[in-house]
Protein backbone atom coordinates (compact mmCIF):
# COMPACT_ATOMS: atom_id res chain seq x y z
CA UNK A 1 0.00 0.00 0.00
CA UNK A 2 0.93 3.63 -0.33
CA UNK A 3 1.89 5.29 2.97
CA UNK A 4 2.53 8.93 3.93
CA UNK A 5 6.22 9.86 3.81
CA UNK A 6 8.24 11.74 6.41
CA UNK A 7 9.97 14.53 4.48
CA UNK A 8 12.93 14.49 6.88
CA UNK A 9 13.72 10.87 5.92
CA UNK A 10 16.57 10.33 3.47
CA UNK A 11 15.43 9.18 0.03
CA UNK A 12 18.74 7.34 -0.36
CA UNK A 13 18.14 5.33 2.85
CA UNK A 14 14.56 4.59 1.79
CA UNK A 15 15.75 3.18 -1.54
CA UNK A 16 18.31 0.98 0.24
CA UNK A 17 15.36 -0.50 2.19
CA UNK A 18 13.46 -1.17 -1.09
CA UNK A 19 11.08 1.72 -0.46
CA UNK A 20 10.29 4.09 -3.31
CA UNK A 21 9.50 7.75 -2.61
CA UNK A 22 6.66 9.28 -4.54
CA UNK A 23 4.00 11.95 -4.60
CA UNK A 24 0.24 11.94 -4.99
CA UNK A 25 -1.08 14.91 -6.95
CA UNK A 26 -4.63 16.00 -6.19
CA UNK A 27 -6.78 19.10 -6.57
CA UNK A 28 -6.56 20.03 -2.90
CA UNK A 29 -2.94 19.22 -2.03
CA UNK A 30 0.08 17.18 -3.05
CA UNK A 31 1.05 14.44 -0.61
CA UNK A 32 4.52 12.87 -0.35
CA UNK A 33 4.28 9.09 -0.04
CA UNK A 34 6.39 5.96 0.11
CA UNK A 35 5.70 2.64 -1.66
CA UNK A 36 7.45 -0.68 -1.17
CA UNK A 37 9.23 -1.97 -4.27
CA UNK A 38 7.47 -5.32 -3.80
CA UNK A 39 3.99 -3.73 -3.81
CA UNK A 40 4.85 -1.58 -6.82
CA UNK A 41 6.10 -4.60 -8.78
CA UNK A 42 2.96 -6.53 -7.84
CA UNK A 43 0.68 -3.76 -9.12
CA UNK A 44 2.64 -3.32 -12.34
CA UNK A 45 2.86 -7.06 -13.06
CA UNK A 46 -0.92 -7.29 -12.80
CA UNK A 47 -1.12 -4.55 -15.47
CA UNK A 48 -3.17 -2.50 -13.01
CA UNK A 49 -1.26 0.64 -12.06
CA UNK A 50 -3.77 1.27 -9.25
CA UNK A 51 -2.80 1.15 -5.59
CA UNK A 52 -4.61 1.81 -2.32
CA UNK A 53 -3.38 4.34 0.24
CA UNK A 54 -3.40 3.67 3.98
CA UNK A 55 -6.42 6.03 4.16
CA UNK A 56 -8.38 3.79 1.77
CA UNK A 57 -8.13 6.05 -1.29
CA UNK A 58 -7.28 4.60 -4.68
CA UNK A 59 -4.45 6.18 -6.69
CA UNK A 60 -3.25 5.63 -10.26
CA UNK A 61 0.45 5.45 -11.02
CA UNK A 62 1.04 7.90 -13.87
CA UNK A 63 4.83 8.20 -14.01
CA UNK A 64 7.74 6.02 -12.94
CA UNK A 65 11.22 7.51 -12.88
CA UNK A 66 14.17 5.13 -13.22
CA UNK A 67 17.88 5.50 -12.69
CA UNK A 68 19.39 5.67 -16.21
CA UNK A 69 22.24 3.30 -15.36
CA UNK A 70 20.82 0.69 -12.97
CA UNK A 71 17.21 0.97 -14.23
CA UNK A 72 15.98 0.80 -10.63
CA UNK A 73 12.82 2.75 -9.84
CA UNK A 74 13.69 5.93 -7.98
CA UNK A 75 10.38 7.85 -7.86
CA UNK A 76 6.69 7.42 -8.69
CA UNK A 77 3.90 9.91 -9.28
PDB file of N, CA and C in Angstrom:
ATOM      1  N   UNK A   1       0.831  -1.187   0.000  1.00  0.00           N
ATOM      2  CA  UNK A   1       0.000   0.000   0.000  1.00  0.00           C
ATOM      3  C   UNK A   1       0.875   1.250   0.000  1.00  0.00           C
ATOM      4  N   UNK A   2       0.263   2.343  -0.254  1.00  0.00           N
ATOM      5  CA  UNK A   2       0.935   3.632  -0.328  1.00  0.00           C
ATOM      6  C   UNK A   2       0.781   4.313   1.030  1.00  0.00           C
ATOM      7  N   UNK A   3       1.909   4.685   1.640  1.00  0.00           N
ATOM      8  CA  UNK A   3       1.892   5.290   2.968  1.00  0.00           C
ATOM      9  C   UNK A   3       2.417   6.719   2.924  1.00  0.00           C
ATOM     10  N   UNK A   4       1.979   7.570   3.853  1.00  0.00           N
ATOM     11  CA  UNK A   4       2.533   8.928   3.926  1.00  0.00           C
ATOM     12  C   UNK A   4       4.036   8.869   4.200  1.00  0.00           C
ATOM     13  N   UNK A   5       4.765   9.849   3.676  1.00  0.00           N
ATOM     14  CA  UNK A   5       6.218   9.865   3.814  1.00  0.00           C
ATOM     15  C   UNK A   5       6.654  11.013   4.710  1.00  0.00           C
ATOM     16  N   UNK A   6       7.618  10.729   5.570  1.00  0.00           N
ATOM     17  CA  UNK A   6       8.243  11.743   6.405  1.00  0.00           C
ATOM     18  C   UNK A   6       9.266  12.474   5.547  1.00  0.00           C
ATOM     19  N   UNK A   7       9.085  13.774   5.356  1.00  0.00           N
ATOM     20  CA  UNK A   7       9.970  14.530   4.482  1.00  0.00           C
ATOM     21  C   UNK A   7      11.383  14.658   5.027  1.00  0.00           C
ATOM     22  N   UNK A   8      11.579  14.410   6.315  1.00  0.00           N
ATOM     23  CA  UNK A   8      12.926  14.487   6.876  1.00  0.00           C
ATOM     24  C   UNK A   8      13.718  13.201   6.626  1.00  0.00           C
ATOM     25  N   UNK A   9      13.049  12.141   6.191  1.00  0.00           N
ATOM     26  CA  UNK A   9      13.720  10.869   5.922  1.00  0.00           C
ATOM     27  C   UNK A   9      14.534  10.958   4.635  1.00  0.00           C
ATOM     28  N   UNK A  10      15.685  10.331   4.633  1.00  0.00           N
ATOM     29  CA  UNK A  10      16.573  10.331   3.473  1.00  0.00           C
ATOM     30  C   UNK A  10      16.016   9.434   2.367  1.00  0.00           C
ATOM     31  N   UNK A  11      15.899   9.978   1.163  1.00  0.00           N
ATOM     32  CA  UNK A  11      15.430   9.181   0.027  1.00  0.00           C
ATOM     33  C   UNK A  11      16.418   8.061  -0.281  1.00  0.00           C
ATOM     34  N   UNK A  12      17.703   8.338  -0.109  1.00  0.00           N
ATOM     35  CA  UNK A  12      18.738   7.337  -0.360  1.00  0.00           C
ATOM     36  C   UNK A  12      18.563   6.140   0.585  1.00  0.00           C
ATOM     37  N   UNK A  13      18.330   6.415   1.870  1.00  0.00           N
ATOM     38  CA  UNK A  13      18.138   5.331   2.849  1.00  0.00           C
ATOM     39  C   UNK A  13      16.861   4.553   2.560  1.00  0.00           C
ATOM     40  N   UNK A  14      15.811   5.268   2.134  1.00  0.00           N
ATOM     41  CA  UNK A  14      14.560   4.592   1.786  1.00  0.00           C
ATOM     42  C   UNK A  14      14.788   3.597   0.648  1.00  0.00           C
ATOM     43  N   UNK A  15      15.505   4.045  -0.380  1.00  0.00           N
ATOM     44  CA  UNK A  15      15.746   3.176  -1.537  1.00  0.00           C
ATOM     45  C   UNK A  15      16.577   1.961  -1.161  1.00  0.00           C
ATOM     46  N   UNK A  16      17.501   2.115  -0.221  1.00  0.00           N
ATOM     47  CA  UNK A  16      18.307   0.976   0.245  1.00  0.00           C
ATOM     48  C   UNK A  16      17.430  -0.058   0.957  1.00  0.00           C
ATOM     49  N   UNK A  17      16.295   0.396   1.503  1.00  0.00           N
ATOM     50  CA  UNK A  17      15.356  -0.497   2.188  1.00  0.00           C
ATOM     51  C   UNK A  17      14.251  -0.971   1.241  1.00  0.00           C
ATOM     52  N   UNK A  18      14.451  -0.799  -0.061  1.00  0.00           N
ATOM     53  CA  UNK A  18      13.464  -1.167  -1.087  1.00  0.00           C
ATOM     54  C   UNK A  18      12.149  -0.412  -0.943  1.00  0.00           C
ATOM     55  N   UNK A  19      12.240   0.837  -0.510  1.00  0.00           N
ATOM     56  CA  UNK A  19      11.083   1.722  -0.457  1.00  0.00           C
ATOM     57  C   UNK A  19      11.278   2.806  -1.500  1.00  0.00           C
ATOM     58  N   UNK A  20      10.236   3.108  -2.230  1.00  0.00           N
ATOM     59  CA  UNK A  20      10.293   4.085  -3.312  1.00  0.00           C
ATOM     60  C   UNK A  20       9.538   5.348  -2.895  1.00  0.00           C
ATOM     61  N   UNK A  21      10.215   6.505  -2.895  1.00  0.00           N
ATOM     62  CA  UNK A  21       9.501   7.747  -2.605  1.00  0.00           C
ATOM     63  C   UNK A  21       8.618   8.135  -3.784  1.00  0.00           C
ATOM     64  N   UNK A  22       7.558   8.839  -3.482  1.00  0.00           N
ATOM     65  CA  UNK A  22       6.662   9.281  -4.543  1.00  0.00           C
ATOM     66  C   UNK A  22       5.825  10.446  -4.078  1.00  0.00           C
ATOM     67  N   UNK A  23       4.906  10.842  -4.935  1.00  0.00           N
ATOM     68  CA  UNK A  23       4.001  11.948  -4.599  1.00  0.00           C
ATOM     69  C   UNK A  23       2.635  11.673  -5.222  1.00  0.00           C
ATOM     70  N   UNK A  24       1.610  12.035  -4.485  1.00  0.00           N
ATOM     71  CA  UNK A  24       0.242  11.942  -4.990  1.00  0.00           C
ATOM     72  C   UNK A  24      -0.205  13.365  -5.294  1.00  0.00           C
ATOM     73  N   UNK A  25      -0.571  13.609  -6.539  1.00  0.00           N
ATOM     74  CA  UNK A  25      -1.083  14.912  -6.951  1.00  0.00           C
ATOM     75  C   UNK A  25      -2.599  14.889  -6.873  1.00  0.00           C
ATOM     76  N   UNK A  26      -3.170  15.894  -6.238  1.00  0.00           N
ATOM     77  CA  UNK A  26      -4.626  16.004  -6.185  1.00  0.00           C
ATOM     78  C   UNK A  26      -5.014  17.476  -6.300  1.00  0.00           C
ATOM     79  N   UNK A  27      -6.302  17.721  -6.430  1.00  0.00           N
ATOM     80  CA  UNK A  27      -6.777  19.097  -6.571  1.00  0.00           C
ATOM     81  C   UNK A  27      -6.500  19.918  -5.311  1.00  0.00           C
ATOM     82  N   UNK A  28      -6.671  19.302  -4.159  1.00  0.00           N
ATOM     83  CA  UNK A  28      -6.563  20.026  -2.897  1.00  0.00           C
ATOM     84  C   UNK A  28      -5.125  20.202  -2.426  1.00  0.00           C
ATOM     85  N   UNK A  29      -4.323  19.128  -2.481  1.00  0.00           N
ATOM     86  CA  UNK A  29      -2.937  19.225  -2.035  1.00  0.00           C
ATOM     87  C   UNK A  29      -2.129  18.068  -2.610  1.00  0.00           C
ATOM     88  N   UNK A  30      -0.828  18.238  -2.626  1.00  0.00           N
ATOM     89  CA  UNK A  30       0.076  17.176  -3.046  1.00  0.00           C
ATOM     90  C   UNK A  30       0.632  16.509  -1.799  1.00  0.00           C
ATOM     91  N   UNK A  31       0.644  15.180  -1.799  1.00  0.00           N
ATOM     92  CA  UNK A  31       1.045  14.439  -0.613  1.00  0.00           C
ATOM     93  C   UNK A  31       2.255  13.554  -0.903  1.00  0.00           C
ATOM     94  N   UNK A  32       3.369  13.757  -0.178  1.00  0.00           N
ATOM     95  CA  UNK A  32       4.518  12.874  -0.346  1.00  0.00           C
ATOM     96  C   UNK A  32       4.211  11.505   0.257  1.00  0.00           C
ATOM     97  N   UNK A  33       4.585  10.456  -0.470  1.00  0.00           N
ATOM     98  CA  UNK A  33       4.284   9.092  -0.041  1.00  0.00           C
ATOM     99  C   UNK A  33       5.501   8.200  -0.221  1.00  0.00           C
ATOM    100  N   UNK A  34       5.380   6.980   0.296  1.00  0.00           N
ATOM    101  CA  UNK A  34       6.395   5.959   0.107  1.00  0.00           C
ATOM    102  C   UNK A  34       5.675   4.654  -0.247  1.00  0.00           C
ATOM    103  N   UNK A  35       6.273   3.887  -1.164  1.00  0.00           N
ATOM    104  CA  UNK A  35       5.697   2.643  -1.660  1.00  0.00           C
ATOM    105  C   UNK A  35       6.783   1.576  -1.605  1.00  0.00           C
ATOM    106  N   UNK A  36       6.453   0.384  -1.164  1.00  0.00           N
ATOM    107  CA  UNK A  36       7.452  -0.685  -1.170  1.00  0.00           C
ATOM    108  C   UNK A  36       7.664  -1.158  -2.612  1.00  0.00           C
ATOM    109  N   UNK A  37       8.890  -1.489  -2.925  1.00  0.00           N
ATOM    110  CA  UNK A  37       9.231  -1.971  -4.267  1.00  0.00           C
ATOM    111  C   UNK A  37       8.418  -3.222  -4.599  1.00  0.00           C
ATOM    112  N   UNK A  38       8.226  -4.072  -3.612  1.00  0.00           N
ATOM    113  CA  UNK A  38       7.470  -5.316  -3.796  1.00  0.00           C
ATOM    114  C   UNK A  38       6.017  -5.028  -4.200  1.00  0.00           C
ATOM    115  N   UNK A  39       5.383  -4.089  -3.489  1.00  0.00           N
ATOM    116  CA  UNK A  39       3.990  -3.733  -3.806  1.00  0.00           C
ATOM    117  C   UNK A  39       3.880  -3.074  -5.184  1.00  0.00           C
ATOM    118  N   UNK A  40       4.851  -2.230  -5.515  1.00  0.00           N
ATOM    119  CA  UNK A  40       4.851  -1.583  -6.821  1.00  0.00           C
ATOM    120  C   UNK A  40       4.984  -2.614  -7.932  1.00  0.00           C
ATOM    121  N   UNK A  41       5.916  -3.543  -7.776  1.00  0.00           N
ATOM    122  CA  UNK A  41       6.103  -4.600  -8.781  1.00  0.00           C
ATOM    123  C   UNK A  41       4.849  -5.446  -8.936  1.00  0.00           C
ATOM    124  N   UNK A  42       4.187  -5.732  -7.821  1.00  0.00           N
ATOM    125  CA  UNK A  42       2.956  -6.533  -7.842  1.00  0.00           C
ATOM    126  C   UNK A  42       1.860  -5.822  -8.642  1.00  0.00           C
ATOM    127  N   UNK A  43       1.699  -4.525  -8.408  1.00  0.00           N
ATOM    128  CA  UNK A  43       0.677  -3.756  -9.123  1.00  0.00           C
ATOM    129  C   UNK A  43       0.996  -3.673 -10.608  1.00  0.00           C
ATOM    130  N   UNK A  44       2.261  -3.451 -10.933  1.00  0.00           N
ATOM    131  CA  UNK A  44       2.642  -3.321 -12.344  1.00  0.00           C
ATOM    132  C   UNK A  44       2.592  -4.655 -13.080  1.00  0.00           C
ATOM    133  N   UNK A  45       2.913  -5.761 -12.398  1.00  0.00           N
ATOM    134  CA  UNK A  45       2.863  -7.065 -13.060  1.00  0.00           C
ATOM    135  C   UNK A  45       1.432  -7.502 -13.345  1.00  0.00           C
ATOM    136  N   UNK A  46       0.492  -6.983 -12.573  1.00  0.00           N
ATOM    137  CA  UNK A  46      -0.925  -7.290 -12.796  1.00  0.00           C
ATOM    138  C   UNK A  46      -1.524  -6.377 -13.860  1.00  0.00           C
ATOM    139  N   UNK A  47      -0.681  -5.508 -14.451  1.00  0.00           N
ATOM    140  CA  UNK A  47      -1.119  -4.554 -15.467  1.00  0.00           C
ATOM    141  C   UNK A  47      -2.229  -3.643 -14.951  1.00  0.00           C
ATOM    142  N   UNK A  48      -2.222  -3.410 -13.630  1.00  0.00           N
ATOM    143  CA  UNK A  48      -3.172  -2.503 -13.012  1.00  0.00           C
ATOM    144  C   UNK A  48      -2.386  -1.482 -12.205  1.00  0.00           C
ATOM    145  N   UNK A  49      -2.065  -0.344 -12.788  1.00  0.00           N
ATOM    146  CA  UNK A  49      -1.265   0.640 -12.056  1.00  0.00           C
ATOM    147  C   UNK A  49      -2.076   1.404 -11.019  1.00  0.00           C
ATOM    148  N   UNK A  50      -2.923   0.664 -10.269  1.00  0.00           N
ATOM    149  CA  UNK A  50      -3.774   1.271  -9.253  1.00  0.00           C
ATOM    150  C   UNK A  50      -3.363   0.695  -7.901  1.00  0.00           C
ATOM    151  N   UNK A  51      -3.164   1.583  -6.924  1.00  0.00           N
ATOM    152  CA  UNK A  51      -2.797   1.145  -5.589  1.00  0.00           C
ATOM    153  C   UNK A  51      -3.696   1.836  -4.576  1.00  0.00           C
ATOM    154  N   UNK A  52      -3.775   1.247  -3.382  1.00  0.00           N
ATOM    155  CA  UNK A  52      -4.606   1.812  -2.318  1.00  0.00           C
ATOM    156  C   UNK A  52      -3.711   2.476  -1.275  1.00  0.00           C
ATOM    157  N   UNK A  53      -4.122   3.648  -0.813  1.00  0.00           N
ATOM    158  CA  UNK A  53      -3.382   4.336   0.239  1.00  0.00           C
ATOM    159  C   UNK A  53      -3.796   3.773   1.597  1.00  0.00           C
ATOM    160  N   UNK A  54      -3.045   4.125   2.633  1.00  0.00           N
ATOM    161  CA  UNK A  54      -3.398   3.670   3.979  1.00  0.00           C
ATOM    162  C   UNK A  54      -4.706   4.297   4.452  1.00  0.00           C
ATOM    163  N   UNK A  55      -5.143   5.405   3.811  1.00  0.00           N
ATOM    164  CA  UNK A  55      -6.422   6.032   4.157  1.00  0.00           C
ATOM    165  C   UNK A  55      -7.590   5.409   3.402  1.00  0.00           C
ATOM    166  N   UNK A  56      -7.319   4.456   2.517  1.00  0.00           N
ATOM    167  CA  UNK A  56      -8.376   3.788   1.769  1.00  0.00           C
ATOM    168  C   UNK A  56      -8.665   4.396   0.413  1.00  0.00           C
ATOM    169  N   UNK A  57      -7.936   5.435   0.022  1.00  0.00           N
ATOM    170  CA  UNK A  57      -8.127   6.053  -1.287  1.00  0.00           C
ATOM    171  C   UNK A  57      -7.404   5.242  -2.357  1.00  0.00           C
ATOM    172  N   UNK A  58      -7.923   5.278  -3.561  1.00  0.00           N
ATOM    173  CA  UNK A  58      -7.281   4.598  -4.678  1.00  0.00           C
ATOM    174  C   UNK A  58      -6.510   5.630  -5.497  1.00  0.00           C
ATOM    175  N   UNK A  59      -5.281   5.279  -5.888  1.00  0.00           N
ATOM    176  CA  UNK A  59      -4.448   6.178  -6.694  1.00  0.00           C
ATOM    177  C   UNK A  59      -3.959   5.432  -7.924  1.00  0.00           C
ATOM    178  N   UNK A  60      -3.740   6.186  -9.001  1.00  0.00           N
ATOM    179  CA  UNK A  60      -3.254   5.626 -10.257  1.00  0.00           C
ATOM    180  C   UNK A  60      -1.807   6.066 -10.442  1.00  0.00           C
ATOM    181  N   UNK A  61      -0.946   5.126 -10.759  1.00  0.00           N
ATOM    182  CA  UNK A  61       0.453   5.447 -11.020  1.00  0.00           C
ATOM    183  C   UNK A  61       0.543   5.987 -12.435  1.00  0.00           C
ATOM    184  N   UNK A  62       0.965   7.244 -12.562  1.00  0.00           N
ATOM    185  CA  UNK A  62       1.042   7.895 -13.866  1.00  0.00           C
ATOM    186  C   UNK A  62       2.459   7.919 -14.423  1.00  0.00           C
ATOM    187  N   UNK A  63       3.450   8.064 -13.536  1.00  0.00           N
ATOM    188  CA  UNK A  63       4.831   8.195 -14.007  1.00  0.00           C
ATOM    189  C   UNK A  63       5.772   7.432 -13.080  1.00  0.00           C
ATOM    190  N   UNK A  64       6.714   6.740 -13.684  1.00  0.00           N
ATOM    191  CA  UNK A  64       7.742   6.023 -12.944  1.00  0.00           C
ATOM    192  C   UNK A  64       9.088   6.515 -13.441  1.00  0.00           C
ATOM    193  N   UNK A  65       9.888   7.037 -12.518  1.00  0.00           N
ATOM    194  CA  UNK A  65      11.224   7.506 -12.883  1.00  0.00           C
ATOM    195  C   UNK A  65      12.235   6.432 -12.513  1.00  0.00           C
ATOM    196  N   UNK A  66      13.149   6.159 -13.446  1.00  0.00           N
ATOM    197  CA  UNK A  66      14.167   5.128 -13.220  1.00  0.00           C
ATOM    198  C   UNK A  66      15.560   5.719 -13.331  1.00  0.00           C
ATOM    199  N   UNK A  67      16.476   5.118 -12.585  1.00  0.00           N
ATOM    200  CA  UNK A  67      17.879   5.496 -12.691  1.00  0.00           C
ATOM    201  C   UNK A  67      18.356   5.097 -14.086  1.00  0.00           C
ATOM    202  N   UNK A  68      19.002   5.992 -14.831  1.00  0.00           N
ATOM    203  CA  UNK A  68      19.389   5.671 -16.205  1.00  0.00           C
ATOM    204  C   UNK A  68      20.434   4.561 -16.325  1.00  0.00           C
ATOM    205  N   UNK A  69      21.202   4.332 -15.287  1.00  0.00           N
ATOM    206  CA  UNK A  69      22.239   3.297 -15.362  1.00  0.00           C
ATOM    207  C   UNK A  69      21.741   1.961 -14.826  1.00  0.00           C
ATOM    208  N   UNK A  70      21.239   1.959 -13.584  1.00  0.00           N
ATOM    209  CA  UNK A  70      20.821   0.692 -12.968  1.00  0.00           C
ATOM    210  C   UNK A  70      19.412   0.280 -13.357  1.00  0.00           C
ATOM    211  N   UNK A  71      18.615   1.201 -13.869  1.00  0.00           N
ATOM    212  CA  UNK A  71      17.205   0.972 -14.234  1.00  0.00           C
ATOM    213  C   UNK A  71      16.328   0.646 -13.025  1.00  0.00           C
ATOM    214  N   UNK A  72      16.795   0.972 -11.821  1.00  0.00           N
ATOM    215  CA  UNK A  72      15.977   0.797 -10.629  1.00  0.00           C
ATOM    216  C   UNK A  72      15.009   1.971 -10.541  1.00  0.00           C
ATOM    217  N   UNK A  73      13.820   1.696 -10.031  1.00  0.00           N
ATOM    218  CA  UNK A  73      12.822   2.745  -9.844  1.00  0.00           C
ATOM    219  C   UNK A  73      13.280   3.668  -8.727  1.00  0.00           C
ATOM    220  N   UNK A  74      13.248   4.985  -8.981  1.00  0.00           N
ATOM    221  CA  UNK A  74      13.693   5.935  -7.977  1.00  0.00           C
ATOM    222  C   UNK A  74      12.586   6.879  -7.509  1.00  0.00           C
ATOM    223  N   UNK A  75      11.471   6.961  -8.253  1.00  0.00           N
ATOM    224  CA  UNK A  75      10.376   7.850  -7.858  1.00  0.00           C
ATOM    225  C   UNK A  75       9.124   7.492  -8.643  1.00  0.00           C
ATOM    226  N   UNK A  76       7.964   7.630  -8.009  1.00  0.00           N
ATOM    227  CA  UNK A  76       6.690   7.419  -8.691  1.00  0.00           C
ATOM    228  C   UNK A  76       5.760   8.600  -8.440  1.00  0.00           C
ATOM    229  N   UNK A  77       4.906   8.848  -9.409  1.00  0.00           N
ATOM    230  CA  UNK A  77       3.900   9.911  -9.275  1.00  0.00           C
ATOM    231  C   UNK A  77       2.545   9.324  -9.578  1.00  0.00           C
TER     232      UNK A  77
END
